[in-house]
C-alpha cells in the first residue's frame, strides 16, 4: 500500500507533476502500440483505424469509471 499511498499523495498535492507523468506514459504507450500495429498489419487500414479508435474509447471510459470508483 506504500506505493498506492505515495501515488495518491502525488495526485492530490502535485497535480501538474501527476498530469505530466500520466500524459507521458500515455504517449509512450500509444507510440509502442502504433509501432506494433504497423509491424503486424503493414500499411494503414481504415478498418483498423476505426477498430483502434473504438477500443481506445472503451478503455478510456472504463479507466475513467475505475478512477471514480477509487476516489
PDB file of N, CA and C in Angstrom:
ATOM      1  N   UNK A   1       0.815  -1.201   0.000  1.00  0.00           N
ATOM      2  CA  UNK A   1       0.000   0.000   0.000  1.00  0.00           C
ATOM      3  C   UNK A   1       0.858   1.263   0.000  1.00  0.00           C
ATOM      4  N   UNK A   2       2.159   1.131   0.277  1.00  0.00           N
ATOM      5  CA  UNK A   2       3.005   2.310   0.315  1.00  0.00           C
ATOM      6  C   UNK A   2       3.065   3.001  -1.050  1.00  0.00           C
ATOM      7  N   UNK A   3       3.170   2.225  -2.127  1.00  0.00           N
ATOM      8  CA  UNK A   3       3.221   2.819  -3.466  1.00  0.00           C
ATOM      9  C   UNK A   3       1.898   3.514  -3.770  1.00  0.00           C
ATOM     10  N   UNK A   4       0.790   2.871  -3.409  1.00  0.00           N
ATOM     11  CA  UNK A   4      -0.533   3.459  -3.642  1.00  0.00           C
ATOM     12  C   UNK A   4      -0.673   4.763  -2.873  1.00  0.00           C
ATOM     13  N   UNK A   5      -0.245   4.784  -1.616  1.00  0.00           N
ATOM     14  CA  UNK A   5      -0.345   5.993  -0.805  1.00  0.00           C
ATOM     15  C   UNK A   5       0.498   7.127  -1.369  1.00  0.00           C
ATOM     16  N   UNK A   6       1.715   6.818  -1.798  1.00  0.00           N
ATOM     17  CA  UNK A   6       2.575   7.865  -2.360  1.00  0.00           C
ATOM     18  C   UNK A   6       2.013   8.364  -3.692  1.00  0.00           C
ATOM     19  N   UNK A   7       1.400   7.470  -4.464  1.00  0.00           N
ATOM     20  CA  UNK A   7       0.781   7.863  -5.721  1.00  0.00           C
ATOM     21  C   UNK A   7      -0.422   8.771  -5.465  1.00  0.00           C
ATOM     22  N   UNK A   8      -1.215   8.430  -4.463  1.00  0.00           N
ATOM     23  CA  UNK A   8      -2.362   9.278  -4.094  1.00  0.00           C
ATOM     24  C   UNK A   8      -1.890  10.642  -3.605  1.00  0.00           C
ATOM     25  N   UNK A   9      -0.792  10.662  -2.830  1.00  0.00           N
ATOM     26  CA  UNK A   9      -0.233  11.920  -2.352  1.00  0.00           C
ATOM     27  C   UNK A   9       0.221  12.779  -3.524  1.00  0.00           C
ATOM     28  N   UNK A  10       0.891  12.164  -4.485  1.00  0.00           N
ATOM     29  CA  UNK A  10       1.321  12.886  -5.681  1.00  0.00           C
ATOM     30  C   UNK A  10       0.121  13.433  -6.432  1.00  0.00           C
ATOM     31  N   UNK A  11      -0.907  12.628  -6.552  1.00  0.00           N
ATOM     32  CA  UNK A  11      -2.115  13.044  -7.275  1.00  0.00           C
ATOM     33  C   UNK A  11      -2.794  14.231  -6.594  1.00  0.00           C
ATOM     34  N   UNK A  12      -2.829  14.224  -5.275  1.00  0.00           N
ATOM     35  CA  UNK A  12      -3.541  15.272  -4.545  1.00  0.00           C
ATOM     36  C   UNK A  12      -2.737  16.564  -4.423  1.00  0.00           C
ATOM     37  N   UNK A  13      -1.438  16.456  -4.201  1.00  0.00           N
ATOM     38  CA  UNK A  13      -0.656  17.638  -3.869  1.00  0.00           C
ATOM     39  C   UNK A  13       0.190  18.176  -5.012  1.00  0.00           C
ATOM     40  N   UNK A  14       0.434  17.395  -6.014  1.00  0.00           N
ATOM     41  CA  UNK A  14       1.269  17.819  -7.132  1.00  0.00           C
ATOM     42  C   UNK A  14       0.585  17.454  -8.441  1.00  0.00           C
ATOM     43  N   UNK A  15      -0.543  18.083  -8.698  1.00  0.00           N
ATOM     44  CA  UNK A  15      -1.371  17.707  -9.836  1.00  0.00           C
ATOM     45  C   UNK A  15      -0.686  17.943 -11.177  1.00  0.00           C
ATOM     46  N   UNK A  16       0.127  18.983 -11.284  1.00  0.00           N
ATOM     47  CA  UNK A  16       0.805  19.255 -12.552  1.00  0.00           C
ATOM     48  C   UNK A  16       1.828  18.148 -12.841  1.00  0.00           C
ATOM     49  N   UNK A  17       2.603  17.767 -11.831  1.00  0.00           N
ATOM     50  CA  UNK A  17       3.586  16.707 -11.997  1.00  0.00           C
ATOM     51  C   UNK A  17       2.875  15.400 -12.345  1.00  0.00           C
ATOM     52  N   UNK A  18       1.786  15.116 -11.639  1.00  0.00           N
ATOM     53  CA  UNK A  18       0.996  13.915 -11.898  1.00  0.00           C
ATOM     54  C   UNK A  18       0.491  13.907 -13.335  1.00  0.00           C
ATOM     55  N   UNK A  19      -0.012  15.035 -13.812  1.00  0.00           N
ATOM     56  CA  UNK A  19      -0.540  15.132 -15.172  1.00  0.00           C
ATOM     57  C   UNK A  19       0.562  14.910 -16.202  1.00  0.00           C
ATOM     58  N   UNK A  20       1.751  15.454 -15.961  1.00  0.00           N
ATOM     59  CA  UNK A  20       2.865  15.278 -16.900  1.00  0.00           C
ATOM     60  C   UNK A  20       3.300  13.818 -16.946  1.00  0.00           C
ATOM     61  N   UNK A  21       3.389  13.175 -15.781  1.00  0.00           N
ATOM     62  CA  UNK A  21       3.798  11.768 -15.729  1.00  0.00           C
ATOM     63  C   UNK A  21       2.785  10.893 -16.450  1.00  0.00           C
ATOM     64  N   UNK A  22       1.506  11.079 -16.161  1.00  0.00           N
ATOM     65  CA  UNK A  22       0.459  10.278 -16.796  1.00  0.00           C
ATOM     66  C   UNK A  22       0.402  10.569 -18.293  1.00  0.00           C
ATOM     67  N   UNK A  23       0.515  11.830 -18.671  1.00  0.00           N
ATOM     68  CA  UNK A  23       0.495  12.183 -20.088  1.00  0.00           C
ATOM     69  C   UNK A  23       1.647  11.546 -20.852  1.00  0.00           C
ATOM     70  N   UNK A  24       2.839  11.588 -20.271  1.00  0.00           N
ATOM     71  CA  UNK A  24       3.994  10.967 -20.922  1.00  0.00           C
ATOM     72  C   UNK A  24       3.805   9.460 -21.037  1.00  0.00           C
ATOM     73  N   UNK A  25       3.276   8.842 -20.000  1.00  0.00           N
ATOM     74  CA  UNK A  25       3.046   7.395 -20.035  1.00  0.00           C
ATOM     75  C   UNK A  25       2.048   7.025 -21.135  1.00  0.00           C
ATOM     76  N   UNK A  26       1.017   7.810 -21.286  1.00  0.00           N
ATOM     77  CA  UNK A  26       0.007   7.544 -22.309  1.00  0.00           C
ATOM     78  C   UNK A  26       0.626   7.676 -23.705  1.00  0.00           C
ATOM     79  N   UNK A  27       1.418   8.718 -23.907  1.00  0.00           N
ATOM     80  CA  UNK A  27       2.027   8.929 -25.216  1.00  0.00           C
ATOM     81  C   UNK A  27       3.012   7.811 -25.552  1.00  0.00           C
ATOM     82  N   UNK A  28       3.829   7.411 -24.577  1.00  0.00           N
ATOM     83  CA  UNK A  28       4.796   6.334 -24.808  1.00  0.00           C
ATOM     84  C   UNK A  28       4.077   5.025 -25.101  1.00  0.00           C
ATOM     85  N   UNK A  29       3.010   4.742 -24.353  1.00  0.00           N
ATOM     86  CA  UNK A  29       2.230   3.532 -24.581  1.00  0.00           C
ATOM     87  C   UNK A  29       1.608   3.548 -25.969  1.00  0.00           C
ATOM     88  N   UNK A  30       1.034   4.685 -26.346  1.00  0.00           N
ATOM     89  CA  UNK A  30       0.419   4.829 -27.667  1.00  0.00           C
ATOM     90  C   UNK A  30       1.450   4.609 -28.767  1.00  0.00           C
ATOM     91  N   UNK A  31       2.627   5.170 -28.573  1.00  0.00           N
ATOM     92  CA  UNK A  31       3.693   5.026 -29.578  1.00  0.00           C
ATOM     93  C   UNK A  31       4.087   3.558 -29.748  1.00  0.00           C
ATOM     94  N   UNK A  32       4.206   2.853 -28.637  1.00  0.00           N
ATOM     95  CA  UNK A  32       4.549   1.441 -28.701  1.00  0.00           C
ATOM     96  C   UNK A  32       3.489   0.629 -29.425  1.00  0.00           C
ATOM     97  N   UNK A  33       2.232   0.890 -29.114  1.00  0.00           N
ATOM     98  CA  UNK A  33       1.144   0.178 -29.794  1.00  0.00           C
ATOM     99  C   UNK A  33       1.111   0.505 -31.282  1.00  0.00           C
ATOM    100  N   UNK A  34       1.409   1.750 -31.607  1.00  0.00           N
ATOM    101  CA  UNK A  34       1.412   2.170 -33.006  1.00  0.00           C
ATOM    102  C   UNK A  34       2.468   1.394 -33.795  1.00  0.00           C
ATOM    103  N   UNK A  35       3.659   1.260 -33.222  1.00  0.00           N
ATOM    104  CA  UNK A  35       4.734   0.535 -33.892  1.00  0.00           C
ATOM    105  C   UNK A  35       4.366  -0.938 -34.061  1.00  0.00           C
ATOM    106  N   UNK A  36       3.784  -1.523 -33.020  1.00  0.00           N
ATOM    107  CA  UNK A  36       3.367  -2.925 -33.089  1.00  0.00           C
ATOM    108  C   UNK A  36       2.293  -3.098 -34.166  1.00  0.00           C
ATOM    109  N   UNK A  37       1.324  -2.192 -34.217  1.00  0.00           N
ATOM    110  CA  UNK A  37       0.260  -2.281 -35.228  1.00  0.00           C
ATOM    111  C   UNK A  37       0.836  -2.157 -36.629  1.00  0.00           C
ATOM    112  N   UNK A  38       1.774  -1.225 -36.821  1.00  0.00           N
ATOM    113  CA  UNK A  38       2.416  -1.096 -38.136  1.00  0.00           C
ATOM    114  C   UNK A  38       3.149  -2.378 -38.513  1.00  0.00           C
ATOM    115  N   UNK A  39       3.831  -2.969 -37.560  1.00  0.00           N
ATOM    116  CA  UNK A  39       4.576  -4.192 -37.823  1.00  0.00           C
ATOM    117  C   UNK A  39       3.640  -5.354 -38.171  1.00  0.00           C
ATOM    118  N   UNK A  40       2.546  -5.486 -37.427  1.00  0.00           N
ATOM    119  CA  UNK A  40       1.632  -6.611 -37.617  1.00  0.00           C
ATOM    120  C   UNK A  40       0.749  -6.465 -38.848  1.00  0.00           C
ATOM    121  N   UNK A  41       0.263  -5.251 -39.104  1.00  0.00           N
ATOM    122  CA  UNK A  41      -0.742  -5.069 -40.141  1.00  0.00           C
ATOM    123  C   UNK A  41      -0.231  -4.365 -41.390  1.00  0.00           C
ATOM    124  N   UNK A  42       1.025  -3.977 -41.393  1.00  0.00           N
ATOM    125  CA  UNK A  42       1.582  -3.340 -42.590  1.00  0.00           C
ATOM    126  C   UNK A  42       1.030  -1.947 -42.797  1.00  0.00           C
ATOM    127  N   UNK A  43       0.485  -1.716 -43.954  1.00  0.00           N
ATOM    128  CA  UNK A  43       0.000  -0.378 -44.297  1.00  0.00           C
ATOM    129  C   UNK A  43      -1.228  -0.028 -43.465  1.00  0.00           C
ATOM    130  N   UNK A  44      -1.463   1.274 -43.382  1.00  0.00           N
ATOM    131  CA  UNK A  44      -2.618   1.733 -42.617  1.00  0.00           C
ATOM    132  C   UNK A  44      -3.909   1.283 -43.292  1.00  0.00           C
ATOM    133  N   UNK A  45      -4.860   0.926 -42.482  1.00  0.00           N
ATOM    134  CA  UNK A  45      -6.125   0.411 -42.976  1.00  0.00           C
ATOM    135  C   UNK A  45      -7.244   1.157 -42.271  1.00  0.00           C
ATOM    136  N   UNK A  46      -8.264   1.578 -43.005  1.00  0.00           N
ATOM    137  CA  UNK A  46      -9.370   2.329 -42.411  1.00  0.00           C
ATOM    138  C   UNK A  46     -10.101   1.497 -41.370  1.00  0.00           C
ATOM    139  N   UNK A  47     -10.303   0.216 -41.636  1.00  0.00           N
ATOM    140  CA  UNK A  47     -10.990  -0.655 -40.688  1.00  0.00           C
ATOM    141  C   UNK A  47     -10.207  -0.749 -39.382  1.00  0.00           C
ATOM    142  N   UNK A  48      -8.893  -0.914 -39.486  1.00  0.00           N
ATOM    143  CA  UNK A  48      -8.049  -0.981 -38.298  1.00  0.00           C
ATOM    144  C   UNK A  48      -8.114   0.330 -37.515  1.00  0.00           C
ATOM    145  N   UNK A  49      -8.154   1.445 -38.220  1.00  0.00           N
ATOM    146  CA  UNK A  49      -8.243   2.750 -37.570  1.00  0.00           C
ATOM    147  C   UNK A  49      -9.545   2.878 -36.793  1.00  0.00           C
ATOM    148  N   UNK A  50     -10.635   2.460 -37.387  1.00  0.00           N
ATOM    149  CA  UNK A  50     -11.934   2.541 -36.718  1.00  0.00           C
ATOM    150  C   UNK A  50     -11.970   1.621 -35.506  1.00  0.00           C
ATOM    151  N   UNK A  51     -11.487   0.398 -35.649  1.00  0.00           N
ATOM    152  CA  UNK A  51     -11.469  -0.553 -34.529  1.00  0.00           C
ATOM    153  C   UNK A  51     -10.577  -0.021 -33.413  1.00  0.00           C
ATOM    154  N   UNK A  52      -9.418   0.505 -33.757  1.00  0.00           N
ATOM    155  CA  UNK A  52      -8.500   1.048 -32.756  1.00  0.00           C
ATOM    156  C   UNK A  52      -9.140   2.210 -32.000  1.00  0.00           C
ATOM    157  N   UNK A  53      -9.840   3.064 -32.712  1.00  0.00           N
ATOM    158  CA  UNK A  53     -10.498   4.199 -32.080  1.00  0.00           C
ATOM    159  C   UNK A  53     -11.572   3.730 -31.114  1.00  0.00           C
ATOM    160  N   UNK A  54     -12.353   2.759 -31.506  1.00  0.00           N
ATOM    161  CA  UNK A  54     -13.404   2.235 -30.631  1.00  0.00           C
ATOM    162  C   UNK A  54     -12.808   1.581 -29.387  1.00  0.00           C
ATOM    163  N   UNK A  55     -11.766   0.763 -29.579  1.00  0.00           N
ATOM    164  CA  UNK A  55     -11.107   0.120 -28.437  1.00  0.00           C
ATOM    165  C   UNK A  55     -10.530   1.172 -27.495  1.00  0.00           C
ATOM    166  N   UNK A  56      -9.891   2.196 -28.044  1.00  0.00           N
ATOM    167  CA  UNK A  56      -9.315   3.257 -27.220  1.00  0.00           C
ATOM    168  C   UNK A  56     -10.390   3.990 -26.420  1.00  0.00           C
ATOM    169  N   UNK A  57     -11.518   4.279 -27.048  1.00  0.00           N
ATOM    170  CA  UNK A  57     -12.608   4.952 -26.343  1.00  0.00           C
ATOM    171  C   UNK A  57     -13.162   4.090 -25.215  1.00  0.00           C
ATOM    172  N   UNK A  58     -13.318   2.804 -25.468  1.00  0.00           N
ATOM    173  CA  UNK A  58     -13.803   1.888 -24.425  1.00  0.00           C
ATOM    174  C   UNK A  58     -12.827   1.855 -23.250  1.00  0.00           C
ATOM    175  N   UNK A  59     -11.539   1.775 -23.553  1.00  0.00           N
ATOM    176  CA  UNK A  59     -10.530   1.755 -22.489  1.00  0.00           C
ATOM    177  C   UNK A  59     -10.568   3.054 -21.687  1.00  0.00           C
ATOM    178  N   UNK A  60     -10.678   4.193 -22.361  1.00  0.00           N
ATOM    179  CA  UNK A  60     -10.739   5.466 -21.655  1.00  0.00           C
ATOM    180  C   UNK A  60     -11.979   5.575 -20.784  1.00  0.00           C
ATOM    181  N   UNK A  61     -13.110   5.105 -21.272  1.00  0.00           N
ATOM    182  CA  UNK A  61     -14.343   5.156 -20.487  1.00  0.00           C
ATOM    183  C   UNK A  61     -14.232   4.259 -19.259  1.00  0.00           C
ATOM    184  N   UNK A  62     -13.716   3.047 -19.453  1.00  0.00           N
ATOM    185  CA  UNK A  62     -13.572   2.112 -18.333  1.00  0.00           C
ATOM    186  C   UNK A  62     -12.587   2.668 -17.299  1.00  0.00           C
ATOM    187  N   UNK A  63     -11.458   3.206 -17.767  1.00  0.00           N
ATOM    188  CA  UNK A  63     -10.482   3.744 -16.815  1.00  0.00           C
ATOM    189  C   UNK A  63     -11.042   4.946 -16.076  1.00  0.00           C
ATOM    190  N   UNK A  64     -11.840   5.759 -16.738  1.00  0.00           N
ATOM    191  CA  UNK A  64     -12.485   6.886 -16.061  1.00  0.00           C
ATOM    192  C   UNK A  64     -13.449   6.422 -14.978  1.00  0.00           C
ATOM    193  N   UNK A  65     -14.212   5.384 -15.289  1.00  0.00           N
ATOM    194  CA  UNK A  65     -15.140   4.837 -14.294  1.00  0.00           C
ATOM    195  C   UNK A  65     -14.385   4.226 -13.110  1.00  0.00           C
ATOM    196  N   UNK A  66     -13.282   3.539 -13.401  1.00  0.00           N
ATOM    197  CA  UNK A  66     -12.475   2.951 -12.324  1.00  0.00           C
ATOM    198  C   UNK A  66     -11.872   4.023 -11.435  1.00  0.00           C
ATOM    199  N   UNK A  67     -11.435   5.138 -12.021  1.00  0.00           N
ATOM    200  CA  UNK A  67     -10.889   6.243 -11.221  1.00  0.00           C
ATOM    201  C   UNK A  67     -11.967   6.822 -10.317  1.00  0.00           C
ATOM    202  N   UNK A  68     -13.190   6.923 -10.830  1.00  0.00           N
ATOM    203  CA  UNK A  68     -14.295   7.414  -9.997  1.00  0.00           C
ATOM    204  C   UNK A  68     -14.554   6.474  -8.832  1.00  0.00           C
ATOM    205  N   UNK A  69     -14.485   5.162  -9.084  1.00  0.00           N
ATOM    206  CA  UNK A  69     -14.699   4.192  -8.010  1.00  0.00           C
ATOM    207  C   UNK A  69     -13.593   4.238  -6.968  1.00  0.00           C
ATOM    208  N   UNK A  70     -12.344   4.474  -7.408  1.00  0.00           N
ATOM    209  CA  UNK A  70     -11.223   4.530  -6.470  1.00  0.00           C
ATOM    210  C   UNK A  70     -11.235   5.788  -5.614  1.00  0.00           C
ATOM    211  N   UNK A  71     -11.824   6.854  -6.125  1.00  0.00           N
ATOM    212  CA  UNK A  71     -11.890   8.098  -5.334  1.00  0.00           C
ATOM    213  C   UNK A  71     -13.008   7.962  -4.360  1.00  0.00           C
TER     214      UNK A  71
END
